[in-house]
Amino acid sequence: MALSQPVTLHFFNPRIRSLVRGNLIVLASLALATLISDFPHLRATLWLVVPAVGCLVGAADTVRCMQKRWSFYHCGVLLCVYMDLMSITLILFFLLYPYLVWLGEAQ
């Protein structure tokens, strides 16, 4: 009787599709972006590019879970993709808004 691989190895294997892994990467990137940007004050820093790239990687991992035929699982993945898009938009807002305000004050 052969022992199967533990579930944790499947979770960290990028060749295997995982909806949970994609969502956790996106949510961790959003939390990191909120901490880096010092949210209520919105500091301008280029370190926000790191969570933006992480969020794009997590969104790509979520999109990989999409199925060809419609089902309730497909609907749930679609809702997760919308959540990923909102997270990407918020991170890009954290990244670009301080620079746009600075450009407006400079004129």
PDB file of N, CA and C in Angstrom:
ATOM      1  N   MET A   1       0.843  -1.169   0.000  1.00  0.00           N
ATOM      2  CA  MET A   1       0.000   0.000   0.000  1.00  0.00           C
ATOM      3  C   MET A   1       0.895   1.242   0.000  1.00  0.00           C
ATOM      4  N   ALA A   2       0.798   2.008  -1.054  1.00  0.00           N
ATOM      5  CA  ALA A   2       1.645   3.200  -1.201  1.00  0.00           C
ATOM      6  C   ALA A   2       0.964   4.391  -0.531  1.00  0.00           C
ATOM      7  N   LEU A   3       1.788   5.205   0.106  1.00  0.00           N
ATOM      8  CA  LEU A   3       1.261   6.408   0.744  1.00  0.00           C
ATOM      9  C   LEU A   3       1.101   7.509  -0.298  1.00  0.00           C
ATOM     10  N   SER A   4      -0.008   8.207  -0.255  1.00  0.00           N
ATOM     11  CA  SER A   4      -0.211   9.314  -1.189  1.00  0.00           C
ATOM     12  C   SER A   4       0.461  10.572  -0.644  1.00  0.00           C
ATOM     13  N   GLN A   5       0.646  11.548  -1.520  1.00  0.00           N
ATOM     14  CA  GLN A   5       1.279  12.791  -1.099  1.00  0.00           C
ATOM     15  C   GLN A   5       0.340  13.553  -0.171  1.00  0.00           C
ATOM     16  N   PRO A   6       0.904  14.252   0.799  1.00  0.00           N
ATOM     17  CA  PRO A   6       0.046  15.048   1.679  1.00  0.00           C
ATOM     18  C   PRO A   6      -0.645  16.172   0.910  1.00  0.00           C
ATOM     19  N   VAL A   7      -1.718  16.653   1.456  1.00  0.00           N
ATOM     20  CA  VAL A   7      -2.489  17.709   0.814  1.00  0.00           C
ATOM     21  C   VAL A   7      -1.672  18.998   0.712  1.00  0.00           C
ATOM     22  N   THR A   8      -0.783  19.253   1.656  1.00  0.00           N
ATOM     23  CA  THR A   8      -0.003  20.490   1.622  1.00  0.00           C
ATOM     24  C   THR A   8       0.893  20.543   0.399  1.00  0.00           C
ATOM     25  N   LEU A   9       1.407  19.401  -0.056  1.00  0.00           N
ATOM     26  CA  LEU A   9       2.228  19.403  -1.260  1.00  0.00           C
ATOM     27  C   LEU A   9       1.391  19.741  -2.486  1.00  0.00           C
ATOM     28  N   HIS A  10       0.148  19.288  -2.525  1.00  0.00           N
ATOM     29  CA  HIS A  10      -0.735  19.647  -3.629  1.00  0.00           C
ATOM     30  C   HIS A  10      -1.061  21.140  -3.595  1.00  0.00           C
ATOM     31  N   PHE A  11      -1.168  21.693  -2.417  1.00  0.00           N
ATOM     32  CA  PHE A  11      -1.507  23.111  -2.288  1.00  0.00           C
ATOM     33  C   PHE A  11      -0.393  23.995  -2.821  1.00  0.00           C
ATOM     34  N   PHE A  12       0.855  23.638  -2.583  1.00  0.00           N
ATOM     35  CA  PHE A  12       1.988  24.456  -3.003  1.00  0.00           C
ATOM     36  C   PHE A  12       2.496  24.120  -4.403  1.00  0.00           C
ATOM     37  N   ASN A  13       1.953  23.113  -5.042  1.00  0.00           N
ATOM     38  CA  ASN A  13       2.383  22.730  -6.381  1.00  0.00           C
ATOM     39  C   ASN A  13       1.702  23.639  -7.413  1.00  0.00           C
ATOM     40  N   PRO A  14       2.462  24.473  -8.145  1.00  0.00           N
ATOM     41  CA  PRO A  14       1.826  25.397  -9.098  1.00  0.00           C
ATOM     42  C   PRO A  14       1.256  24.707 -10.333  1.00  0.00           C
ATOM     43  N   ARG A  15       1.605  23.454 -10.574  1.00  0.00           N
ATOM     44  CA  ARG A  15       1.063  22.748 -11.738  1.00  0.00           C
ATOM     45  C   ARG A  15      -0.367  22.277 -11.514  1.00  0.00           C
ATOM     46  N   ILE A  16      -0.769  22.186 -10.264  1.00  0.00           N
ATOM     47  CA  ILE A  16      -2.124  21.750  -9.928  1.00  0.00           C
ATOM     48  C   ILE A  16      -2.974  22.990  -9.688  1.00  0.00           C
ATOM     49  N   ARG A  17      -4.147  23.021 -10.321  1.00  0.00           N
ATOM     50  CA  ARG A  17      -5.045  24.163 -10.145  1.00  0.00           C
ATOM     51  C   ARG A  17      -5.604  24.178  -8.730  1.00  0.00           C
ATOM     52  N   SER A  18      -5.624  25.384  -8.137  1.00  0.00           N
ATOM     53  CA  SER A  18      -6.149  25.508  -6.784  1.00  0.00           C
ATOM     54  C   SER A  18      -6.844  26.860  -6.644  1.00  0.00           C
ATOM     55  N   LEU A  19      -8.134  26.826  -6.437  1.00  0.00           N
ATOM     56  CA  LEU A  19      -8.896  28.051  -6.256  1.00  0.00           C
ATOM     57  C   LEU A  19      -8.554  28.715  -4.930  1.00  0.00           C
ATOM     58  N   VAL A  20      -8.328  27.920  -3.910  1.00  0.00           N
ATOM     59  CA  VAL A  20      -7.995  28.458  -2.586  1.00  0.00           C
ATOM     60  C   VAL A  20      -6.651  29.174  -2.621  1.00  0.00           C
ATOM     61  N   ARG A  21      -5.660  28.585  -3.296  1.00  0.00           N
ATOM     62  CA  ARG A  21      -4.342  29.202  -3.379  1.00  0.00           C
ATOM     63  C   ARG A  21      -4.418  30.557  -4.086  1.00  0.00           C
ATOM     64  N   GLY A  22      -5.165  30.626  -5.189  1.00  0.00           N
ATOM     65  CA  GLY A  22      -5.302  31.893  -5.906  1.00  0.00           C
ATOM     66  C   GLY A  22      -5.962  32.955  -5.054  1.00  0.00           C
ATOM     67  N   ASN A  23      -7.023  32.585  -4.341  1.00  0.00           N
ATOM     68  CA  ASN A  23      -7.723  33.559  -3.490  1.00  0.00           C
ATOM     69  C   ASN A  23      -6.852  34.008  -2.322  1.00  0.00           C
ATOM     70  N   LEU A  24      -6.096  33.085  -1.732  1.00  0.00           N
ATOM     71  CA  LEU A  24      -5.218  33.466  -0.622  1.00  0.00           C
ATOM     72  C   LEU A  24      -4.094  34.392  -1.080  1.00  0.00           C
ATOM     73  N   ILE A  25      -3.558  34.164  -2.275  1.00  0.00           N
ATOM     74  CA  ILE A  25      -2.516  35.052  -2.794  1.00  0.00           C
ATOM     75  C   ILE A  25      -3.075  36.452  -3.012  1.00  0.00           C
ATOM     76  N   VAL A  26      -4.276  36.538  -3.575  1.00  0.00           N
ATOM     77  CA  VAL A  26      -4.891  37.846  -3.827  1.00  0.00           C
ATOM     78  C   VAL A  26      -5.194  38.569  -2.515  1.00  0.00           C
ATOM     79  N   LEU A  27      -5.767  37.876  -1.551  1.00  0.00           N
ATOM     80  CA  LEU A  27      -6.106  38.521  -0.286  1.00  0.00           C
ATOM     81  C   LEU A  27      -4.859  38.907   0.505  1.00  0.00           C
ATOM     82  N   ALA A  28      -3.815  38.091   0.442  1.00  0.00           N
ATOM     83  CA  ALA A  28      -2.561  38.445   1.111  1.00  0.00           C
ATOM     84  C   ALA A  28      -1.918  39.651   0.433  1.00  0.00           C
ATOM     85  N   SER A  29      -1.998  39.731  -0.892  1.00  0.00           N
ATOM     86  CA  SER A  29      -1.458  40.889  -1.607  1.00  0.00           C
ATOM     87  C   SER A  29      -2.233  42.158  -1.259  1.00  0.00           C
ATOM     88  N   LEU A  30      -3.548  42.043  -1.131  1.00  0.00           N
ATOM     89  CA  LEU A  30      -4.361  43.206  -0.762  1.00  0.00           C
ATOM     90  C   LEU A  30      -4.045  43.661   0.660  1.00  0.00           C
ATOM     91  N   ALA A  31      -3.875  42.716   1.577  1.00  0.00           N
ATOM     92  CA  ALA A  31      -3.520  43.080   2.950  1.00  0.00           C
ATOM     93  C   ALA A  31      -2.135  43.725   3.004  1.00  0.00           C
ATOM     94  N   LEU A  32      -1.189  43.188   2.249  1.00  0.00           N
ATOM     95  CA  LEU A  32       0.154  43.760   2.209  1.00  0.00           C
ATOM     96  C   LEU A  32       0.137  45.159   1.599  1.00  0.00           C
ATOM     97  N   ALA A  33      -0.656  45.365   0.559  1.00  0.00           N
ATOM     98  CA  ALA A  33      -0.756  46.692  -0.058  1.00  0.00           C
ATOM     99  C   ALA A  33      -1.380  47.698   0.897  1.00  0.00           C
ATOM    100  N   THR A  34      -2.351  47.260   1.672  1.00  0.00           N
ATOM    101  CA  THR A  34      -2.969  48.160   2.647  1.00  0.00           C
ATOM    102  C   THR A  34      -1.970  48.566   3.715  1.00  0.00           C
ATOM    103  N   LEU A  35      -1.147  47.622   4.154  1.00  0.00           N
ATOM    104  CA  LEU A  35      -0.124  47.951   5.156  1.00  0.00           C
ATOM    105  C   LEU A  35       0.977  48.844   4.582  1.00  0.00           C
ATOM    106  N   ILE A  36       1.431  48.547   3.374  1.00  0.00           N
ATOM    107  CA  ILE A  36       2.508  49.329   2.771  1.00  0.00           C
ATOM    108  C   ILE A  36       2.073  50.759   2.482  1.00  0.00           C
ATOM    109  N   SER A  37       0.826  50.928   2.012  1.00  0.00           N
ATOM    110  CA  SER A  37       0.368  52.264   1.624  1.00  0.00           C
ATOM    111  C   SER A  37      -0.010  53.129   2.818  1.00  0.00           C
ATOM    112  N   ASP A  38      -0.031  52.560   4.019  1.00  0.00           N
ATOM    113  CA  ASP A  38      -0.447  53.281   5.223  1.00  0.00           C
ATOM    114  C   ASP A  38      -1.829  53.879   4.970  1.00  0.00           C
ATOM    115  N   PHE A  39      -2.805  53.017   4.776  1.00  0.00           N
ATOM    116  CA  PHE A  39      -4.091  53.285   4.124  1.00  0.00           C
ATOM    117  C   PHE A  39      -4.750  54.637   4.383  1.00  0.00           C
ATOM    118  N   PRO A  40      -5.018  55.052   5.573  1.00  0.00           N
ATOM    119  CA  PRO A  40      -5.743  56.326   5.646  1.00  0.00           C
ATOM    120  C   PRO A  40      -4.949  57.508   5.090  1.00  0.00           C
ATOM    121  N   HIS A  41      -3.618  57.416   5.103  1.00  0.00           N
ATOM    122  CA  HIS A  41      -2.797  58.543   4.671  1.00  0.00           C
ATOM    123  C   HIS A  41      -2.295  58.385   3.245  1.00  0.00           C
ATOM    124  N   LEU A  42      -2.302  57.204   2.679  1.00  0.00           N
ATOM    125  CA  LEU A  42      -1.884  56.889   1.312  1.00  0.00           C
ATOM    126  C   LEU A  42      -0.534  57.492   0.949  1.00  0.00           C
ATOM    127  N   ARG A  43       0.509  56.869   1.444  1.00  0.00           N
ATOM    128  CA  ARG A  43       1.869  57.283   1.110  1.00  0.00           C
ATOM    129  C   ARG A  43       2.208  56.829  -0.306  1.00  0.00           C
ATOM    130  N   ALA A  44       3.006  57.628  -0.997  1.00  0.00           N
ATOM    131  CA  ALA A  44       3.459  57.275  -2.336  1.00  0.00           C
ATOM    132  C   ALA A  44       4.725  56.425  -2.214  1.00  0.00           C
ATOM    133  N   THR A  45       4.649  55.171  -2.651  1.00  0.00           N
ATOM    134  CA  THR A  45       5.801  54.287  -2.614  1.00  0.00           C
ATOM    135  C   THR A  45       5.712  53.297  -3.767  1.00  0.00           C
ATOM    136  N   LEU A  46       6.852  53.001  -4.355  1.00  0.00           N
ATOM    137  CA  LEU A  46       6.877  52.045  -5.460  1.00  0.00           C
ATOM    138  C   LEU A  46       6.883  50.597  -4.970  1.00  0.00           C
ATOM    139  N   TRP A  47       6.965  50.380  -3.657  1.00  0.00           N
ATOM    140  CA  TRP A  47       6.898  49.024  -3.112  1.00  0.00           C
ATOM    141  C   TRP A  47       5.532  48.398  -3.356  1.00  0.00           C
ATOM    142  N   LEU A  48       4.544  49.204  -3.729  1.00  0.00           N
ATOM    143  CA  LEU A  48       3.211  48.664  -4.007  1.00  0.00           C
ATOM    144  C   LEU A  48       3.168  47.875  -5.317  1.00  0.00           C
ATOM    145  N   VAL A  49       4.241  47.929  -6.090  1.00  0.00           N
ATOM    146  CA  VAL A  49       4.303  47.128  -7.310  1.00  0.00           C
ATOM    147  C   VAL A  49       4.372  45.639  -6.956  1.00  0.00           C
ATOM    148  N   VAL A  50       5.015  45.315  -5.846  1.00  0.00           N
ATOM    149  CA  VAL A  50       5.143  43.908  -5.427  1.00  0.00           C
ATOM    150  C   VAL A  50       3.771  43.287  -5.143  1.00  0.00           C
ATOM    151  N   PRO A  51       2.894  43.920  -4.326  1.00  0.00           N
ATOM    152  CA  PRO A  51       1.566  43.328  -4.142  1.00  0.00           C
ATOM    153  C   PRO A  51       0.723  43.349  -5.411  1.00  0.00           C
ATOM    154  N   ALA A  52       0.953  44.331  -6.295  1.00  0.00           N
ATOM    155  CA  ALA A  52       0.202  44.362  -7.555  1.00  0.00           C
ATOM    156  C   ALA A  52       0.552  43.153  -8.412  1.00  0.00           C
ATOM    157  N   VAL A  53       1.825  42.827  -8.493  1.00  0.00           N
ATOM    158  CA  VAL A  53       2.242  41.644  -9.258  1.00  0.00           C
ATOM    159  C   VAL A  53       1.731  40.369  -8.578  1.00  0.00           C
ATOM    160  N   GLY A  54       1.785  40.323  -7.249  1.00  0.00           N
ATOM    161  CA  GLY A  54       1.252  39.171  -6.527  1.00  0.00           C
ATOM    162  C   GLY A  54      -0.238  38.985  -6.767  1.00  0.00           C
ATOM    163  N   CYS A  55      -0.956  40.079  -6.830  1.00  0.00           N
ATOM    164  CA  CYS A  55      -2.398  40.017  -7.080  1.00  0.00           C
ATOM    165  C   CYS A  55      -2.676  39.519  -8.506  1.00  0.00           C
ATOM    166  N   LEU A  56      -1.866  39.941  -9.464  1.00  0.00           N
ATOM    167  CA  LEU A  56      -2.037  39.455 -10.831  1.00  0.00           C
ATOM    168  C   LEU A  56      -1.734  37.964 -10.933  1.00  0.00           C
ATOM    169  N   VAL A  57      -0.726  37.499 -10.200  1.00  0.00           N
ATOM    170  CA  VAL A  57      -0.400  36.066 -10.192  1.00  0.00           C
ATOM    171  C   VAL A  57      -1.548  35.267  -9.565  1.00  0.00           C
ATOM    172  N   GLY A  58      -2.094  35.767  -8.471  1.00  0.00           N
ATOM    173  CA  GLY A  58      -3.227  35.088  -7.838  1.00  0.00           C
ATOM    174  C   GLY A  58      -4.459  35.078  -8.726  1.00  0.00           C
ATOM    175  N   ALA A  59      -4.696  36.173  -9.446  1.00  0.00           N
ATOM    176  CA  ALA A  59      -5.835  36.220 -10.359  1.00  0.00           C
ATOM    177  C   ALA A  59      -5.649  35.241 -11.512  1.00  0.00           C
ATOM    178  N   ALA A  60      -4.422  35.123 -12.004  1.00  0.00           N
ATOM    179  CA  ALA A  60      -4.164  34.146 -13.074  1.00  0.00           C
ATOM    180  C   ALA A  60      -4.385  32.725 -12.573  1.00  0.00           C
ATOM    181  N   ASP A  61      -4.015  32.464 -11.326  1.00  0.00           N
ATOM    182  CA  ASP A  61      -4.241  31.140 -10.749  1.00  0.00           C
ATOM    183  C   ASP A  61      -5.730  30.869 -10.582  1.00  0.00           C
ATOM    184  N   THR A  62      -6.506  31.897 -10.277  1.00  0.00           N
ATOM    185  CA  THR A  62      -7.954  31.730 -10.154  1.00  0.00           C
ATOM    186  C   THR A  62      -8.585  31.479 -11.519  1.00  0.00           C
ATOM    187  N   VAL A  63      -8.139  32.200 -12.534  1.00  0.00           N
ATOM    188  CA  VAL A  63      -8.707  32.039 -13.878  1.00  0.00           C
ATOM    189  C   VAL A  63      -8.414  30.645 -14.428  1.00  0.00           C
ATOM    190  N   ARG A  64      -7.295  30.049 -14.018  1.00  0.00           N
ATOM    191  CA  ARG A  64      -6.979  28.692 -14.466  1.00  0.00           C
ATOM    192  C   ARG A  64      -8.029  27.678 -14.028  1.00  0.00           C
ATOM    193  N   CYS A  65      -8.783  27.989 -12.976  1.00  0.00           N
ATOM    194  CA  CYS A  65      -9.785  27.061 -12.454  1.00  0.00           C
ATOM    195  C   CYS A  65     -11.112  27.137 -13.214  1.00  0.00           C
ATOM    196  N   MET A  66     -11.212  28.040 -14.174  1.00  0.00           N
ATOM    197  CA  MET A  66     -12.447  28.211 -14.937  1.00  0.00           C
ATOM    198  C   MET A  66     -12.713  26.961 -15.776  1.00  0.00           C
ATOM    199  N   GLN A  67     -13.979  26.557 -15.845  1.00  0.00           N
ATOM    200  CA  GLN A  67     -14.363  25.382 -16.627  1.00  0.00           C
ATOM    201  C   GLN A  67     -15.010  25.821 -17.936  1.00  0.00           C
ATOM    202  N   LYS A  68     -15.059  24.910 -18.909  1.00  0.00           N
ATOM    203  CA  LYS A  68     -15.630  25.251 -20.212  1.00  0.00           C
ATOM    204  C   LYS A  68     -17.150  25.304 -20.167  1.00  0.00           C
ATOM    205  N   ARG A  69     -17.756  24.423 -19.410  1.00  0.00           N
ATOM    206  CA  ARG A  69     -19.219  24.393 -19.319  1.00  0.00           C
ATOM    207  C   ARG A  69     -19.677  25.098 -18.048  1.00  0.00           C
ATOM    208  N   TRP A  70     -20.857  25.703 -18.119  1.00  0.00           N
ATOM    209  CA  TRP A  70     -21.379  26.429 -16.978  1.00  0.00           C
ATOM    210  C   TRP A  70     -21.835  25.446 -15.913  1.00  0.00           C
ATOM    211  N   SER A  71     -21.509  25.753 -14.658  1.00  0.00           N
ATOM    212  CA  SER A  71     -21.995  25.014 -13.497  1.00  0.00           C
ATOM    213  C   SER A  71     -21.941  25.986 -12.318  1.00  0.00           C
ATOM    214  N   PHE A  72     -22.384  25.528 -11.165  1.00  0.00           N
ATOM    215  CA  PHE A  72     -22.311  26.401  -9.991  1.00  0.00           C
ATOM    216  C   PHE A  72     -20.860  26.640  -9.574  1.00  0.00           C
ATOM    217  N   TYR A  73     -19.983  25.673  -9.821  1.00  0.00           N
ATOM    218  CA  TYR A  73     -18.557  25.881  -9.559  1.00  0.00           C
ATOM    219  C   TYR A  73     -18.013  26.973 -10.471  1.00  0.00           C
ATOM    220  N   HIS A  74     -18.409  26.946 -11.747  1.00  0.00           N
ATOM    221  CA  HIS A  74     -17.991  27.968 -12.702  1.00  0.00           C
ATOM    222  C   HIS A  74     -18.478  29.344 -12.248  1.00  0.00           C
ATOM    223  N   CYS A  75     -19.699  29.401 -11.730  1.00  0.00           N
ATOM    224  CA  CYS A  75     -20.255  30.660 -11.214  1.00  0.00           C
ATOM    225  C   CYS A  75     -19.448  31.150 -10.013  1.00  0.00           C
ATOM    226  N   GLY A  76     -19.061  30.262  -9.125  1.00  0.00           N
ATOM    227  CA  GLY A  76     -18.251  30.644  -7.973  1.00  0.00           C
ATOM    228  C   GLY A  76     -16.872  31.136  -8.380  1.00  0.00           C
ATOM    229  N   VAL A  77     -16.264  30.490  -9.373  1.00  0.00           N
ATOM    230  CA  VAL A  77     -14.963  30.939  -9.869  1.00  0.00           C
ATOM    231  C   VAL A  77     -15.097  32.318 -10.500  1.00  0.00           C
ATOM    232  N   LEU A  78     -16.192  32.548 -11.209  1.00  0.00           N
ATOM    233  CA  LEU A  78     -16.431  33.858 -11.824  1.00  0.00           C
ATOM    234  C   LEU A  78     -16.561  34.950 -10.759  1.00  0.00           C
ATOM    235  N   LEU A  79     -17.227  34.658  -9.662  1.00  0.00           N
ATOM    236  CA  LEU A  79     -17.312  35.622  -8.558  1.00  0.00           C
ATOM    237  C   LEU A  79     -15.936  35.877  -7.945  1.00  0.00           C
ATOM    238  N   CYS A  80     -15.124  34.844  -7.850  1.00  0.00           N
ATOM    239  CA  CYS A  80     -13.752  35.023  -7.336  1.00  0.00           C
ATOM    240  C   CYS A  80     -12.918  35.864  -8.287  1.00  0.00           C
ATOM    241  N   VAL A  81     -13.113  35.710  -9.597  1.00  0.00           N
ATOM    242  CA  VAL A  81     -12.394  36.529 -10.572  1.00  0.00           C
ATOM    243  C   VAL A  81     -12.810  37.993 -10.430  1.00  0.00           C
ATOM    244  N   TYR A  82     -14.088  38.255 -10.200  1.00  0.00           N
ATOM    245  CA  TYR A  82     -14.539  39.639  -9.965  1.00  0.00           C
ATOM    246  C   TYR A  82     -13.905  40.203  -8.697  1.00  0.00           C
ATOM    247  N   MET A  83     -13.776  39.389  -7.658  1.00  0.00           N
ATOM    248  CA  MET A  83     -13.111  39.836  -6.439  1.00  0.00           C
ATOM    249  C   MET A  83     -11.647  40.161  -6.715  1.00  0.00           C
ATOM    250  N   ASP A  84     -11.012  39.352  -7.545  1.00  0.00           N
ATOM    251  CA  ASP A  84      -9.618  39.605  -7.914  1.00  0.00           C
ATOM    252  C   ASP A  84      -9.492  40.922  -8.675  1.00  0.00           C
ATOM    253  N   LEU A  85     -10.409  41.189  -9.574  1.00  0.00           N
ATOM    254  CA  LEU A  85     -10.368  42.443 -10.335  1.00  0.00           C
ATOM    255  C   LEU A  85     -10.568  43.658  -9.434  1.00  0.00           C
ATOM    256  N   MET A  86     -11.454  43.542  -8.460  1.00  0.00           N
ATOM    257  CA  MET A  86     -11.630  44.652  -7.518  1.00  0.00           C
ATOM    258  C   MET A  86     -10.386  44.858  -6.668  1.00  0.00           C
ATOM    259  N   SER A  87      -9.722  43.773  -6.292  1.00  0.00           N
ATOM    260  CA  SER A  87      -8.486  43.887  -5.508  1.00  0.00           C
ATOM    261  C   SER A  87      -7.373  44.524  -6.326  1.00  0.00           C
ATOM    262  N   ILE A  88      -7.254  44.139  -7.585  1.00  0.00           N
ATOM    263  CA  ILE A  88      -6.248  44.744  -8.462  1.00  0.00           C
ATOM    264  C   ILE A  88      -6.516  46.231  -8.624  1.00  0.00           C
ATOM    265  N   THR A  89      -7.776  46.592  -8.796  1.00  0.00           N
ATOM    266  CA  THR A  89      -8.142  48.008  -8.939  1.00  0.00           C
ATOM    267  C   THR A  89      -7.795  48.788  -7.680  1.00  0.00           C
ATOM    268  N   LEU A  90      -8.066  48.239  -6.518  1.00  0.00           N
ATOM    269  CA  LEU A  90      -7.763  48.927  -5.270  1.00  0.00           C
ATOM    270  C   LEU A  90      -6.257  49.076  -5.065  1.00  0.00           C
ATOM    271  N   ILE A  91      -5.493  48.049  -5.390  1.00  0.00           N
ATOM    272  CA  ILE A  91      -4.032  48.143  -5.246  1.00  0.00           C
ATOM    273  C   ILE A  91      -3.473  49.179  -6.213  1.00  0.00           C
ATOM    274  N   LEU A  92      -3.970  49.211  -7.449  1.00  0.00           N
ATOM    275  CA  LEU A  92      -3.506  50.218  -8.399  1.00  0.00           C
ATOM    276  C   LEU A  92      -3.931  51.626  -7.975  1.00  0.00           C
ATOM    277  N   PHE A  93      -5.072  51.739  -7.303  1.00  0.00           N
ATOM    278  CA  PHE A  93      -5.477  53.027  -6.750  1.00  0.00           C
ATOM    279  C   PHE A  93      -4.499  53.464  -5.662  1.00  0.00           C
ATOM    280  N   PHE A  94      -4.140  52.535  -4.775  1.00  0.00           N
ATOM    281  CA  PHE A  94      -3.143  52.848  -3.743  1.00  0.00           C
ATOM    282  C   PHE A  94      -1.819  53.278  -4.368  1.00  0.00           C
ATOM    283  N   LEU A  95      -1.469  52.677  -5.494  1.00  0.00           N
ATOM    284  CA  LEU A  95      -0.195  52.967  -6.152  1.00  0.00           C
ATOM    285  C   LEU A  95      -0.217  54.304  -6.881  1.00  0.00           C
ATOM    286  N   LEU A  96      -1.291  54.609  -7.589  1.00  0.00           N
ATOM    287  CA  LEU A  96      -1.299  55.770  -8.490  1.00  0.00           C
ATOM    288  C   LEU A  96      -1.882  57.043  -7.882  1.00  0.00           C
ATOM    289  N   TYR A  97      -2.795  56.944  -6.947  1.00  0.00           N
ATOM    290  CA  TYR A  97      -3.477  58.133  -6.430  1.00  0.00           C
ATOM    291  C   TYR A  97      -2.535  59.162  -5.804  1.00  0.00           C
ATOM    292  N   PRO A  98      -1.573  58.785  -4.968  1.00  0.00           N
ATOM    293  CA  PRO A  98      -0.685  59.818  -4.397  1.00  0.00           C
ATOM    294  C   PRO A  98       0.107  60.578  -5.470  1.00  0.00           C
ATOM    295  N   TYR A  99       0.499  59.882  -6.535  1.00  0.00           N
ATOM    296  CA  TYR A  99       1.232  60.556  -7.603  1.00  0.00           C
ATOM    297  C   TYR A  99       0.325  61.507  -8.383  1.00  0.00           C
ATOM    298  N   LEU A 100      -0.932  61.124  -8.594  1.00  0.00           N
ATOM    299  CA  LEU A 100      -1.863  62.002  -9.296  1.00  0.00           C
ATOM    300  C   LEU A 100      -2.184  63.237  -8.468  1.00  0.00           C
ATOM    301  N   VAL A 101      -2.309  63.087  -7.161  1.00  0.00           N
ATOM    302  CA  VAL A 101      -2.533  64.233  -6.282  1.00  0.00           C
ATOM    303  C   VAL A 101      -1.320  65.151  -6.308  1.00  0.00           C
ATOM    304  N   TRP A 102      -0.132  64.564  -6.300  1.00  0.00           N
ATOM    305  CA  TRP A 102       1.101  65.359  -6.333  1.00  0.00           C
ATOM    306  C   TRP A 102       1.196  66.128  -7.633  1.00  0.00           C
ATOM    307  N   LEU A 103       0.829  65.502  -8.758  1.00  0.00           N
ATOM    308  CA  LEU A 103       0.857  66.198 -10.052  1.00  0.00           C
ATOM    309  C   LEU A 103      -0.159  67.336 -10.080  1.00  0.00           C
ATOM    310  N   GLY A 104      -1.316  67.124  -9.466  1.00  0.00           N
ATOM    311  CA  GLY A 104      -2.347  68.178  -9.416  1.00  0.00           C
ATOM    312  C   GLY A 104      -1.897  69.365  -8.574  1.00  0.00           C
ATOM    313  N   GLU A 105      -1.169  69.122  -7.483  1.00  0.00           N
ATOM    314  CA  GLU A 105      -0.687  70.205  -6.632  1.00  0.00           C
ATOM    315  C   GLU A 105       0.495  70.941  -7.269  1.00  0.00           C
ATOM    316  N   ALA A 106       1.240  70.258  -8.130  1.00  0.00           N
ATOM    317  CA  ALA A 106       2.418  70.869  -8.744  1.00  0.00           C
ATOM    318  C   ALA A 106       2.028  71.883  -9.819  1.00  0.00           C
ATOM    319  N   GLN A 107       0.835  71.797 -10.349  1.00  0.00           N
ATOM    320  CA  GLN A 107       0.446  72.719 -11.428  1.00  0.00           C
ATOM    321  C   GLN A 107      -0.084  74.017 -10.891  1.00  0.00           C
TER     322      GLN A 107
END
